[in-house]
Amino acid sequence: MIAGLDDPEALEVIACREGLALAADLQLQNFVISSDSKQVISNINEGCRGSTGAVISEIQILANSFRCNFIFESRASNMEAHSLAKSSLSLGPGRHVWFGQPHDPNRIPPYVAFDE
């Protein structure tokens, strides 16, 4: 069982899994996922268990499909990710793409239809 969604470590682990899912959707093969949580990166790289063990196992299985590194990056040097995390609190469920600035619904529609 995973820790509650009010647990910052659990949320960070889920964010790393979502990063892998996005990379798969975009068909990326070589990339880096960074986090400002040393513990989460250590747990992923070492395969630690605990309250987030099931998601960490899933991450490790998914990561085998890519050339992917998980690295620690302090919040001070990763302000974009911190801004993204803060702005995402106001978004609804689902996946969202961020173009360097928080989403402005007046400029970019939430859904885009592509003609075939």
Protein backbone atom coordinates (compact mmCIF):
# COMPACT_ATOMS: atom_id res chain seq x y z
CA MET A 1 0.00 0.00 0.00
CA ILE A 2 1.35 3.44 -0.90
CA ALA A 3 1.51 6.21 1.65
CA GLY A 4 -1.21 8.84 1.66
CA LEU A 5 -1.31 11.52 -1.00
CA ASP A 6 -0.44 14.08 1.65
CA ASP A 7 3.01 12.47 1.91
CA PRO A 8 5.50 14.58 -0.12
CA GLU A 9 7.78 11.56 -0.71
CA ALA A 10 4.89 9.50 -2.11
CA LEU A 11 3.88 12.37 -4.39
CA GLU A 12 7.46 12.73 -5.64
CA VAL A 13 7.64 9.00 -6.44
CA ILE A 14 4.35 9.22 -8.35
CA ALA A 15 5.67 12.27 -10.23
CA CYS A 16 8.72 10.24 -11.31
CA ARG A 17 6.45 7.45 -12.55
CA GLU A 18 4.37 9.99 -14.47
CA GLY A 19 7.57 11.37 -16.00
CA LEU A 20 8.34 7.89 -17.34
CA ALA A 21 4.79 7.56 -18.68
CA LEU A 22 5.12 10.90 -20.47
CA ALA A 23 8.48 9.85 -21.96
CA ALA A 24 6.84 6.68 -23.25
CA ASP A 25 3.95 8.69 -24.75
CA LEU A 26 6.45 11.00 -26.47
CA GLN A 27 8.53 8.00 -27.59
CA LEU A 28 11.67 9.38 -25.95
CA GLN A 29 14.56 6.98 -25.47
CA ASN A 30 17.33 8.91 -23.70
CA PHE A 31 16.45 11.36 -20.91
CA VAL A 32 16.97 12.38 -17.29
CA ILE A 33 14.38 12.66 -14.54
CA SER A 34 15.46 14.93 -11.71
CA SER A 35 13.97 15.41 -8.28
CA ASP A 36 14.69 17.68 -5.35
CA SER A 37 14.26 14.70 -3.00
CA LYS A 38 17.55 12.90 -2.34
CA GLN A 39 15.65 10.14 -0.58
CA VAL A 40 13.32 9.44 -3.50
CA ILE A 41 16.20 9.34 -6.00
CA SER A 42 18.16 7.06 -3.69
CA ASN A 43 15.14 4.79 -3.25
CA ILE A 44 14.57 4.56 -7.01
CA ASN A 45 18.23 3.95 -7.84
CA GLU A 46 18.68 1.38 -5.08
CA GLY A 47 15.27 -0.26 -5.39
CA CYS A 48 14.28 0.40 -1.79
CA ARG A 49 10.91 -0.75 -0.57
CA GLY A 50 8.70 0.71 2.12
CA SER A 51 5.46 2.60 1.71
CA THR A 52 6.31 3.53 -1.92
CA GLY A 53 7.90 0.20 -2.83
CA ALA A 54 5.22 -0.89 -5.30
CA VAL A 55 5.52 2.32 -7.33
CA ILE A 56 9.33 2.20 -7.15
CA SER A 57 9.23 -1.36 -8.53
CA GLU A 58 7.00 -0.14 -11.36
CA ILE A 59 9.42 2.72 -12.07
CA GLN A 60 12.36 0.34 -12.25
CA ILE A 61 10.52 -1.97 -14.65
CA LEU A 62 9.46 0.94 -16.88
CA ALA A 63 12.93 2.51 -16.78
CA ASN A 64 14.44 -0.66 -18.28
CA SER A 65 12.75 0.30 -21.56
CA PHE A 66 14.78 3.53 -21.81
CA ARG A 67 18.22 5.01 -21.33
CA CYS A 68 17.06 6.93 -18.31
CA ASN A 69 18.88 8.39 -15.31
CA PHE A 70 17.31 9.55 -12.06
CA ILE A 71 19.28 12.37 -10.46
CA PHE A 72 18.99 14.67 -7.46
CA GLU A 73 18.81 18.37 -8.25
CA SER A 74 18.40 20.86 -5.43
CA ARG A 75 15.32 23.05 -5.46
CA ALA A 76 17.52 26.15 -5.67
CA SER A 77 18.83 25.01 -9.06
CA ASN A 78 15.52 23.57 -10.23
CA MET A 79 13.08 26.45 -9.91
CA GLU A 80 11.17 25.46 -13.08
CA ALA A 81 10.16 22.15 -11.56
CA HIS A 82 9.19 23.86 -8.31
CA SER A 83 7.06 26.41 -10.22
CA LEU A 84 5.47 23.60 -12.22
CA ALA A 85 4.62 21.67 -9.08
CA LYS A 86 3.04 24.72 -7.46
CA SER A 87 1.00 25.63 -10.54
CA SER A 88 -0.16 22.04 -11.02
CA LEU A 89 -2.02 22.18 -7.70
CA SER A 90 -4.71 24.25 -9.44
CA LEU A 91 -5.12 21.86 -12.41
CA GLY A 92 -7.66 19.10 -12.70
CA PRO A 93 -6.86 15.41 -13.05
CA GLY A 94 -5.01 14.11 -16.09
CA ARG A 95 -1.74 14.84 -17.83
CA HIS A 96 -0.75 18.36 -18.66
CA VAL A 97 2.02 19.76 -20.85
CA TRP A 98 3.94 22.77 -19.59
CA PHE A 99 5.60 25.09 -22.12
CA GLY A 100 7.96 26.88 -19.73
CA GLN A 101 5.28 29.00 -18.08
CA PRO A 102 2.21 27.91 -16.13
CA HIS A 103 -0.75 27.17 -18.40
CA ASP A 104 -2.77 30.22 -19.47
CA PRO A 105 -6.21 28.89 -20.48
CA ASN A 106 -6.86 32.09 -22.44
CA ARG A 107 -3.95 31.36 -24.79
CA ILE A 108 -3.77 27.59 -25.08
CA PRO A 109 -6.98 25.54 -25.16
CA PRO A 110 -7.11 22.61 -22.72
CA TYR A 111 -7.98 20.21 -25.57
CA VAL A 112 -6.62 20.16 -29.12
CA ALA A 113 -8.30 18.20 -31.90
CA PHE A 114 -6.06 16.90 -34.64
CA ASP A 115 -7.56 16.14 -38.05
CA GLU A 116 -6.42 12.94 -39.65
